[in-house]
All heavy atoms as atom14 arrays in JSON, in Angstrom:
{
  "sequence": "ADLIVLTSLSAWIDVSKLPALFLLCGTLGILATVVLKNKRF",
  "atom14_mask": [
    [1, 1, 1, 1, 1, 0, 0, 0, 0, 0, 0, 0, 0, 0],
    [1, 1, 1, 1, 1, 1, 1, 1, 0, 0, 0, 0, 0, 0],
    [1, 1, 1, 1, 1, 1, 1, 1, 0, 0, 0, 0, 0, 0],
    [1, 1, 1, 1, 1, 1, 1, 1, 0, 0, 0, 0, 0, 0],
    [1, 1, 1, 1, 1, 1, 1, 0, 0, 0, 0, 0, 0, 0],
    [1, 1, 1, 1, 1, 1, 1, 1, 0, 0, 0, 0, 0, 0],
    [1, 1, 1, 1, 1, 1, 1, 0, 0, 0, 0, 0, 0, 0],
    [1, 1, 1, 1, 1, 1, 0, 0, 0, 0, 0, 0, 0, 0],
    [1, 1, 1, 1, 1, 1, 1, 1, 0, 0, 0, 0, 0, 0],
    [1, 1, 1, 1, 1, 1, 0, 0, 0, 0, 0, 0, 0, 0],
    [1, 1, 1, 1, 1, 0, 0, 0, 0, 0, 0, 0, 0, 0],
    [1, 1, 1, 1, 1, 1, 1, 1, 1, 1, 1, 1, 1, 1],
    [1, 1, 1, 1, 1, 1, 1, 1, 0, 0, 0, 0, 0, 0],
    [1, 1, 1, 1, 1, 1, 1, 1, 0, 0, 0, 0, 0, 0],
    [1, 1, 1, 1, 1, 1, 1, 0, 0, 0, 0, 0, 0, 0],
    [1, 1, 1, 1, 1, 1, 0, 0, 0, 0, 0, 0, 0, 0],
    [1, 1, 1, 1, 1, 1, 1, 1, 1, 0, 0, 0, 0, 0],
    [1, 1, 1, 1, 1, 1, 1, 1, 0, 0, 0, 0, 0, 0],
    [1, 1, 1, 1, 1, 1, 1, 0, 0, 0, 0, 0, 0, 0],
    [1, 1, 1, 1, 1, 0, 0, 0, 0, 0, 0, 0, 0, 0],
    [1, 1, 1, 1, 1, 1, 1, 1, 0, 0, 0, 0, 0, 0],
    [1, 1, 1, 1, 1, 1, 1, 1, 1, 1, 1, 0, 0, 0],
    [1, 1, 1, 1, 1, 1, 1, 1, 0, 0, 0, 0, 0, 0],
    [1, 1, 1, 1, 1, 1, 1, 1, 0, 0, 0, 0, 0, 0],
    [1, 1, 1, 1, 1, 1, 0, 0, 0, 0, 0, 0, 0, 0],
    [1, 1, 1, 1, 0, 0, 0, 0, 0, 0, 0, 0, 0, 0],
    [1, 1, 1, 1, 1, 1, 1, 0, 0, 0, 0, 0, 0, 0],
    [1, 1, 1, 1, 1, 1, 1, 1, 0, 0, 0, 0, 0, 0],
    [1, 1, 1, 1, 0, 0, 0, 0, 0, 0, 0, 0, 0, 0],
    [1, 1, 1, 1, 1, 1, 1, 1, 0, 0, 0, 0, 0, 0],
    [1, 1, 1, 1, 1, 1, 1, 1, 0, 0, 0, 0, 0, 0],
    [1, 1, 1, 1, 1, 0, 0, 0, 0, 0, 0, 0, 0, 0],
    [1, 1, 1, 1, 1, 1, 1, 0, 0, 0, 0, 0, 0, 0],
    [1, 1, 1, 1, 1, 1, 1, 0, 0, 0, 0, 0, 0, 0],
    [1, 1, 1, 1, 1, 1, 1, 0, 0, 0, 0, 0, 0, 0],
    [1, 1, 1, 1, 1, 1, 1, 1, 0, 0, 0, 0, 0, 0],
    [1, 1, 1, 1, 1, 1, 1, 1, 1, 0, 0, 0, 0, 0],
    [1, 1, 1, 1, 1, 1, 1, 1, 0, 0, 0, 0, 0, 0],
    [1, 1, 1, 1, 1, 1, 1, 1, 1, 0, 0, 0, 0, 0],
    [1, 1, 1, 1, 1, 1, 1, 1, 1, 1, 1, 0, 0, 0],
    [1, 1, 1, 1, 1, 1, 1, 1, 1, 1, 1, 0, 0, 0]
  ],
  "atom14_positions": [
    [[-23.11, 32.63, -25.3], [-24.05, 33.57, -24.7], [-23.31, 34.79, -24.16], [-23.77, 35.93, -24.33], [-24.84, 32.89, -23.59], [0.0, 0.0, 0.0], [0.0, 0.0, 0.0], [0.0, 0.0, 0.0], [0.0, 0.0, 0.0], [0.0, 0.0, 0.0], [0.0, 0.0, 0.0], [0.0, 0.0, 0.0], [0.0, 0.0, 0.0], [0.0, 0.0, 0.0]],
    [[-22.16, 34.57, -23.54], [-21.36, 35.7, -23.04], [-20.91, 36.58, -24.19], [-20.92, 37.8, -24.1], [-20.14, 35.19, -22.27], [-20.52, 34.4, -21.03], [-21.58, 34.69, -20.46], [-19.75, 33.51, -20.65], [0.0, 0.0, 0.0], [0.0, 0.0, 0.0], [0.0, 0.0, 0.0], [0.0, 0.0, 0.0], [0.0, 0.0, 0.0], [0.0, 0.0, 0.0]],
    [[-20.51, 35.96, -25.27], [-20.06, 36.71, -26.44], [-21.19, 37.53, -27.04], [-21.02, 38.71, -27.36], [-19.5, 35.73, -27.48], [-19.0, 36.32, -28.78], [-17.78, 37.18, -28.52], [-18.67, 35.21, -29.75], [0.0, 0.0, 0.0], [0.0, 0.0, 0.0], [0.0, 0.0, 0.0], [0.0, 0.0, 0.0], [0.0, 0.0, 0.0], [0.0, 0.0, 0.0]],
    [[-22.35, 36.94, -27.17], [-23.5, 37.65, -27.73], [-23.93, 38.79, -26.83], [-24.2, 39.9, -27.29], [-24.65, 36.67, -28.01], [-24.26, 35.75, -29.17], [-25.94, 37.4, -28.3], [-25.2, 34.6, -29.38], [0.0, 0.0, 0.0], [0.0, 0.0, 0.0], [0.0, 0.0, 0.0], [0.0, 0.0, 0.0], [0.0, 0.0, 0.0], [0.0, 0.0, 0.0]],
    [[-23.97, 38.55, -25.53], [-24.37, 39.62, -24.6], [-23.33, 40.72, -24.57], [-23.67, 41.9, -24.56], [-24.62, 39.04, -23.19], [-24.76, 40.13, -22.17], [-25.88, 38.17, -23.2], [0.0, 0.0, 0.0], [0.0, 0.0, 0.0], [0.0, 0.0, 0.0], [0.0, 0.0, 0.0], [0.0, 0.0, 0.0], [0.0, 0.0, 0.0], [0.0, 0.0, 0.0]],
    [[-22.06, 40.36, -24.59], [-21.01, 41.38, -24.57], [-21.09, 42.29, -25.78], [-20.99, 43.51, -25.66], [-19.62, 40.72, -24.51], [-18.42, 41.65, -24.47], [-18.45, 42.52, -23.23], [-17.14, 40.86, -24.52], [0.0, 0.0, 0.0], [0.0, 0.0, 0.0], [0.0, 0.0, 0.0], [0.0, 0.0, 0.0], [0.0, 0.0, 0.0], [0.0, 0.0, 0.0]],
    [[-21.3, 41.72, -26.94], [-21.38, 42.56, -28.13], [-22.7, 43.33, -28.19], [-22.74, 44.45, -28.67], [-21.2, 41.73, -29.4], [-22.18, 40.7, -29.43], [-19.83, 41.15, -29.47], [0.0, 0.0, 0.0], [0.0, 0.0, 0.0], [0.0, 0.0, 0.0], [0.0, 0.0, 0.0], [0.0, 0.0, 0.0], [0.0, 0.0, 0.0], [0.0, 0.0, 0.0]],
    [[-23.77, 42.74, -27.71], [-25.05, 43.45, -27.76], [-25.15, 44.56, -26.73], [-25.99, 45.45, -26.85], [-26.22, 42.47, -27.6], [-26.17, 41.86, -26.34], [0.0, 0.0, 0.0], [0.0, 0.0, 0.0], [0.0, 0.0, 0.0], [0.0, 0.0, 0.0], [0.0, 0.0, 0.0], [0.0, 0.0, 0.0], [0.0, 0.0, 0.0], [0.0, 0.0, 0.0]],
    [[-24.28, 44.55, -25.73], [-24.27, 45.65, -24.76], [-23.84, 46.96, -25.4], [-24.08, 48.04, -24.85], [-23.35, 45.32, -23.58], [-23.91, 44.37, -22.55], [-22.85, 44.01, -21.54], [-25.14, 44.93, -21.88], [0.0, 0.0, 0.0], [0.0, 0.0, 0.0], [0.0, 0.0, 0.0], [0.0, 0.0, 0.0], [0.0, 0.0, 0.0], [0.0, 0.0, 0.0]],
    [[-23.23, 46.88, -26.57], [-22.84, 48.11, -27.26], [-24.05, 48.92, -27.71], [-23.92, 50.09, -28.06], [-21.94, 47.79, -28.46], [-22.67, 47.04, -29.41], [0.0, 0.0, 0.0], [0.0, 0.0, 0.0], [0.0, 0.0, 0.0], [0.0, 0.0, 0.0], [0.0, 0.0, 0.0], [0.0, 0.0, 0.0], [0.0, 0.0, 0.0], [0.0, 0.0, 0.0]],
    [[-25.22, 48.31, -27.71], [-26.45, 49.05, -28.03], [-26.84, 49.98, -26.89], [-27.5, 50.99, -27.11], [-27.59, 48.09, -28.32], [0.0, 0.0, 0.0], [0.0, 0.0, 0.0], [0.0, 0.0, 0.0], [0.0, 0.0, 0.0], [0.0, 0.0, 0.0], [0.0, 0.0, 0.0], [0.0, 0.0, 0.0], [0.0, 0.0, 0.0], [0.0, 0.0, 0.0]],
    [[-26.42, 49.67, -25.68], [-26.81, 50.46, -24.52], [-25.72, 51.44, -24.09], [-25.99, 52.41, -23.4], [-27.12, 49.54, -23.33], [-28.23, 48.61, -23.58], [-28.11, 47.3, -23.96], [-29.63, 48.87, -23.51], [-29.35, 46.75, -24.1], [-30.29, 47.68, -23.83], [-30.37, 50.0, -23.19], [-31.68, 47.59, -23.85], [-31.74, 49.9, -23.21], [-32.38, 48.71, -23.53]],
    [[-24.49, 51.15, -24.48], [-23.36, 51.94, -23.99], [-22.78, 52.74, -25.15], [-22.66, 52.25, -26.26], [-22.3, 51.01, -23.38], [-22.9, 50.34, -22.14], [-21.04, 51.75, -23.02], [-22.03, 49.32, -21.52], [0.0, 0.0, 0.0], [0.0, 0.0, 0.0], [0.0, 0.0, 0.0], [0.0, 0.0, 0.0], [0.0, 0.0, 0.0], [0.0, 0.0, 0.0]],
    [[-22.41, 53.95, -24.86], [-21.81, 54.83, -25.86], [-20.49, 54.24, -26.35], [-19.79, 53.55, -25.62], [-21.58, 56.21, -25.24], [-21.23, 57.25, -26.28], [-21.66, 57.1, -27.44], [-20.53, 58.21, -25.94], [0.0, 0.0, 0.0], [0.0, 0.0, 0.0], [0.0, 0.0, 0.0], [0.0, 0.0, 0.0], [0.0, 0.0, 0.0], [0.0, 0.0, 0.0]],
    [[-20.17, 54.52, -27.6], [-18.97, 53.95, -28.23], [-17.7, 54.33, -27.46], [-16.79, 53.51, -27.32], [-18.87, 54.43, -29.69], [-17.62, 53.91, -30.35], [-20.09, 54.03, -30.47], [0.0, 0.0, 0.0], [0.0, 0.0, 0.0], [0.0, 0.0, 0.0], [0.0, 0.0, 0.0], [0.0, 0.0, 0.0], [0.0, 0.0, 0.0], [0.0, 0.0, 0.0]],
    [[-17.65, 55.53, -26.94], [-16.44, 55.96, -26.23], [-16.24, 55.2, -24.92], [-15.14, 55.17, -24.38], [-16.5, 57.46, -25.95], [-17.6, 57.77, -25.11], [0.0, 0.0, 0.0], [0.0, 0.0, 0.0], [0.0, 0.0, 0.0], [0.0, 0.0, 0.0], [0.0, 0.0, 0.0], [0.0, 0.0, 0.0], [0.0, 0.0, 0.0], [0.0, 0.0, 0.0]],
    [[-17.29, 54.57, -24.39], [-17.18, 53.82, -23.13], [-16.92, 52.33, -23.33], [-16.78, 51.6, -22.36], [-18.46, 54.0, -22.32], [-18.65, 55.39, -21.77], [-19.88, 55.44, -20.9], [-20.08, 56.82, -20.33], [-21.27, 56.88, -19.49], [0.0, 0.0, 0.0], [0.0, 0.0, 0.0], [0.0, 0.0, 0.0], [0.0, 0.0, 0.0], [0.0, 0.0, 0.0]],
    [[-16.87, 51.87, -24.58], [-16.67, 50.44, -24.81], [-15.32, 49.92, -24.29], [-15.29, 48.84, -23.7], [-16.84, 50.12, -26.29], [-18.27, 50.07, -26.79], [-18.31, 49.79, -28.28], [-19.1, 49.07, -26.04], [0.0, 0.0, 0.0], [0.0, 0.0, 0.0], [0.0, 0.0, 0.0], [0.0, 0.0, 0.0], [0.0, 0.0, 0.0], [0.0, 0.0, 0.0]],
    [[-14.2, 50.64, -24.47], [-12.96, 50.14, -23.87], [-13.06, 50.04, -22.35], [-12.53, 49.1, -21.75], [-11.91, 51.17, -24.29], [-12.45, 51.77, -25.53], [-13.93, 51.8, -25.35], [0.0, 0.0, 0.0], [0.0, 0.0, 0.0], [0.0, 0.0, 0.0], [0.0, 0.0, 0.0], [0.0, 0.0, 0.0], [0.0, 0.0, 0.0], [0.0, 0.0, 0.0]],
    [[-13.75, 50.99, -21.73], [-13.94, 50.92, -20.27], [-14.8, 49.72, -19.9], [-14.59, 49.09, -18.86], [-14.58, 52.21, -19.77], [0.0, 0.0, 0.0], [0.0, 0.0, 0.0], [0.0, 0.0, 0.0], [0.0, 0.0, 0.0], [0.0, 0.0, 0.0], [0.0, 0.0, 0.0], [0.0, 0.0, 0.0], [0.0, 0.0, 0.0], [0.0, 0.0, 0.0]],
    [[-15.77, 49.37, -20.75], [-16.6, 48.19, -20.49], [-15.74, 46.93, -20.51], [-15.85, 46.1, -19.61], [-17.72, 48.08, -21.53], [-18.56, 46.8, -21.46], [-19.42, 46.8, -20.2], [-19.41, 46.65, -22.69], [0.0, 0.0, 0.0], [0.0, 0.0, 0.0], [0.0, 0.0, 0.0], [0.0, 0.0, 0.0], [0.0, 0.0, 0.0], [0.0, 0.0, 0.0]],
    [[-14.88, 46.8, -21.51], [-14.02, 45.62, -21.58], [-13.07, 45.55, -20.38], [-12.86, 44.49, -19.81], [-13.23, 45.6, -22.89], [-14.08, 45.52, -24.11], [-13.74, 46.21, -25.26], [-15.24, 44.76, -24.14], [-14.53, 46.14, -26.39], [-16.03, 44.68, -25.27], [-15.67, 45.38, -26.4], [0.0, 0.0, 0.0], [0.0, 0.0, 0.0], [0.0, 0.0, 0.0]],
    [[-12.51, 46.68, -20.0], [-11.6, 46.72, -18.85], [-12.34, 46.39, -17.56], [-11.84, 45.62, -16.73], [-10.94, 48.1, -18.77], [-9.9, 48.28, -17.68], [-8.71, 47.36, -17.93], [-9.45, 49.71, -17.61], [0.0, 0.0, 0.0], [0.0, 0.0, 0.0], [0.0, 0.0, 0.0], [0.0, 0.0, 0.0], [0.0, 0.0, 0.0], [0.0, 0.0, 0.0]],
    [[-13.52, 46.96, -17.38], [-14.29, 46.71, -16.17], [-14.77, 45.27, -16.11], [-14.77, 44.65, -15.04], [-15.48, 47.69, -16.1], [-16.23, 47.77, -14.79], [-15.31, 48.15, -13.65], [-17.35, 48.79, -14.91], [0.0, 0.0, 0.0], [0.0, 0.0, 0.0], [0.0, 0.0, 0.0], [0.0, 0.0, 0.0], [0.0, 0.0, 0.0], [0.0, 0.0, 0.0]],
    [[-15.15, 44.7, -17.24], [-15.55, 43.28, -17.28], [-14.39, 42.38, -16.85], [-14.57, 41.46, -16.06], [-16.02, 42.89, -18.67], [-17.65, 43.44, -19.11], [0.0, 0.0, 0.0], [0.0, 0.0, 0.0], [0.0, 0.0, 0.0], [0.0, 0.0, 0.0], [0.0, 0.0, 0.0], [0.0, 0.0, 0.0], [0.0, 0.0, 0.0], [0.0, 0.0, 0.0]],
    [[-13.22, 42.65, -17.39], [-12.05, 41.87, -17.01], [-11.7, 41.99, -15.55], [-11.42, 41.0, -14.87], [0.0, 0.0, 0.0], [0.0, 0.0, 0.0], [0.0, 0.0, 0.0], [0.0, 0.0, 0.0], [0.0, 0.0, 0.0], [0.0, 0.0, 0.0], [0.0, 0.0, 0.0], [0.0, 0.0, 0.0], [0.0, 0.0, 0.0], [0.0, 0.0, 0.0]],
    [[-11.74, 43.22, -15.05], [-11.41, 43.45, -13.64], [-12.41, 42.78, -12.71], [-12.04, 42.11, -11.74], [-11.36, 44.97, -13.35], [-10.45, 45.59, -14.25], [-10.96, 45.24, -11.92], [0.0, 0.0, 0.0], [0.0, 0.0, 0.0], [0.0, 0.0, 0.0], [0.0, 0.0, 0.0], [0.0, 0.0, 0.0], [0.0, 0.0, 0.0], [0.0, 0.0, 0.0]],
    [[-13.7, 42.95, -13.0], [-14.73, 42.31, -12.17], [-14.67, 40.79, -12.3], [-14.92, 40.08, -11.33], [-16.12, 42.83, -12.55], [-16.42, 44.27, -12.19], [-17.78, 44.7, -12.73], [-16.36, 44.48, -10.69], [0.0, 0.0, 0.0], [0.0, 0.0, 0.0], [0.0, 0.0, 0.0], [0.0, 0.0, 0.0], [0.0, 0.0, 0.0], [0.0, 0.0, 0.0]],
    [[-14.33, 40.29, -13.48], [-14.18, 38.85, -13.65], [-13.04, 38.28, -12.84], [-13.18, 37.21, -12.23], [0.0, 0.0, 0.0], [0.0, 0.0, 0.0], [0.0, 0.0, 0.0], [0.0, 0.0, 0.0], [0.0, 0.0, 0.0], [0.0, 0.0, 0.0], [0.0, 0.0, 0.0], [0.0, 0.0, 0.0], [0.0, 0.0, 0.0], [0.0, 0.0, 0.0]],
    [[-11.93, 38.98, -12.81], [-10.8, 38.54, -11.99], [-11.16, 38.57, -10.51], [-10.86, 37.63, -9.77], [-9.55, 39.4, -12.28], [-9.02, 39.09, -13.67], [-8.47, 39.17, -11.23], [-7.95, 40.04, -14.15], [0.0, 0.0, 0.0], [0.0, 0.0, 0.0], [0.0, 0.0, 0.0], [0.0, 0.0, 0.0], [0.0, 0.0, 0.0], [0.0, 0.0, 0.0]],
    [[-11.82, 39.65, -10.08], [-12.23, 39.74, -8.67], [-13.22, 38.63, -8.31], [-13.12, 38.04, -7.23], [-12.86, 41.1, -8.4], [-11.91, 42.29, -8.35], [-12.68, 43.59, -8.2], [-10.93, 42.12, -7.2], [0.0, 0.0, 0.0], [0.0, 0.0, 0.0], [0.0, 0.0, 0.0], [0.0, 0.0, 0.0], [0.0, 0.0, 0.0], [0.0, 0.0, 0.0]],
    [[-14.16, 38.35, -9.2], [-15.12, 37.28, -8.92], [-14.44, 35.92, -8.85], [-14.79, 35.09, -8.01], [-16.21, 37.27, -9.99], [0.0, 0.0, 0.0], [0.0, 0.0, 0.0], [0.0, 0.0, 0.0], [0.0, 0.0, 0.0], [0.0, 0.0, 0.0], [0.0, 0.0, 0.0], [0.0, 0.0, 0.0], [0.0, 0.0, 0.0], [0.0, 0.0, 0.0]],
    [[-13.43, 35.7, -9.69], [-12.71, 34.44, -9.66], [-11.93, 34.29, -8.36], [-11.91, 33.21, -7.76], [-11.74, 34.35, -10.85], [-12.48, 34.51, -12.06], [-11.02, 33.03, -10.87], [0.0, 0.0, 0.0], [0.0, 0.0, 0.0], [0.0, 0.0, 0.0], [0.0, 0.0, 0.0], [0.0, 0.0, 0.0], [0.0, 0.0, 0.0], [0.0, 0.0, 0.0]],
    [[-11.32, 35.37, -7.91], [-10.56, 35.32, -6.66], [-11.48, 35.12, -5.47], [-11.2, 34.31, -4.58], [-9.72, 36.62, -6.5], [-9.14, 36.72, -5.1], [-8.62, 36.66, -7.54], [0.0, 0.0, 0.0], [0.0, 0.0, 0.0], [0.0, 0.0, 0.0], [0.0, 0.0, 0.0], [0.0, 0.0, 0.0], [0.0, 0.0, 0.0], [0.0, 0.0, 0.0]],
    [[-12.61, 35.82, -5.46], [-13.53, 35.7, -4.33], [-14.21, 34.33, -4.31], [-14.33, 33.71, -3.26], [-14.59, 36.84, -4.39], [-15.72, 36.6, -3.41], [-13.93, 38.18, -4.12], [0.0, 0.0, 0.0], [0.0, 0.0, 0.0], [0.0, 0.0, 0.0], [0.0, 0.0, 0.0], [0.0, 0.0, 0.0], [0.0, 0.0, 0.0], [0.0, 0.0, 0.0]],
    [[-14.66, 33.84, -5.46], [-15.38, 32.57, -5.51], [-14.45, 31.35, -5.5], [-14.89, 30.25, -5.22], [-16.27, 32.52, -6.76], [-17.39, 33.54, -6.79], [-18.13, 33.46, -8.11], [-18.35, 33.31, -5.64], [0.0, 0.0, 0.0], [0.0, 0.0, 0.0], [0.0, 0.0, 0.0], [0.0, 0.0, 0.0], [0.0, 0.0, 0.0], [0.0, 0.0, 0.0]],
    [[-13.19, 31.55, -5.85], [-12.19, 30.48, -5.87], [-12.62, 29.31, -6.75], [-12.4, 28.17, -6.42], [-11.87, 30.02, -4.46], [-11.27, 31.11, -3.61], [-10.98, 30.64, -2.23], [-10.44, 31.82, -1.44], [-10.33, 31.56, -0.04], [0.0, 0.0, 0.0], [0.0, 0.0, 0.0], [0.0, 0.0, 0.0], [0.0, 0.0, 0.0], [0.0, 0.0, 0.0]],
    [[-13.24, 29.62, -7.86], [-13.65, 28.6, -8.84], [-12.9, 28.83, -10.14], [-12.58, 29.97, -10.47], [-15.15, 28.67, -9.12], [-15.96, 28.12, -7.99], [-15.49, 27.34, -7.19], [-17.21, 28.53, -7.93], [0.0, 0.0, 0.0], [0.0, 0.0, 0.0], [0.0, 0.0, 0.0], [0.0, 0.0, 0.0], [0.0, 0.0, 0.0], [0.0, 0.0, 0.0]],
    [[-12.68, 27.77, -10.86], [-12.09, 27.93, -12.19], [-13.15, 28.36, -13.19], [-12.87, 29.03, -14.15], [-11.44, 26.63, -12.64], [-10.19, 26.31, -11.88], [-9.51, 25.1, -12.44], [-8.23, 24.84, -11.66], [-7.48, 23.73, -12.2], [0.0, 0.0, 0.0], [0.0, 0.0, 0.0], [0.0, 0.0, 0.0], [0.0, 0.0, 0.0], [0.0, 0.0, 0.0]],
    [[-14.4, 27.94, -12.97], [-15.49, 28.32, -13.85], [-16.58, 28.98, -13.01], [-16.93, 28.5, -11.94], [-16.07, 27.09, -14.54], [-15.12, 26.47, -15.53], [-15.75, 25.29, -16.2], [-16.99, 25.64, -16.91], [-17.05, 25.92, -18.2], [-15.97, 25.9, -18.92], [-18.2, 26.21, -18.77], [0.0, 0.0, 0.0], [0.0, 0.0, 0.0], [0.0, 0.0, 0.0]],
    [[-17.07, 30.07, -13.51], [-18.19, 30.73, -12.86], [-19.01, 31.43, -13.93], [-18.5, 31.73, -15.01], [-17.72, 31.71, -11.78], [-17.17, 32.99, -12.33], [-17.96, 34.11, -12.43], [-15.86, 33.07, -12.75], [-17.45, 35.29, -12.94], [-15.35, 34.24, -13.27], [-16.14, 35.35, -13.36], [0.0, 0.0, 0.0], [0.0, 0.0, 0.0], [0.0, 0.0, 0.0]]
  ]
}
């Protein structure tokens, strides 16, 4: 589901912003993991 949503978000976001989307997803994911202190979220 994450994979499908991640790729389908390219319909809403301009092509030039896709690398920023991947970087922001990773950064927010790391922050969420640190804040929630869970291995899975």
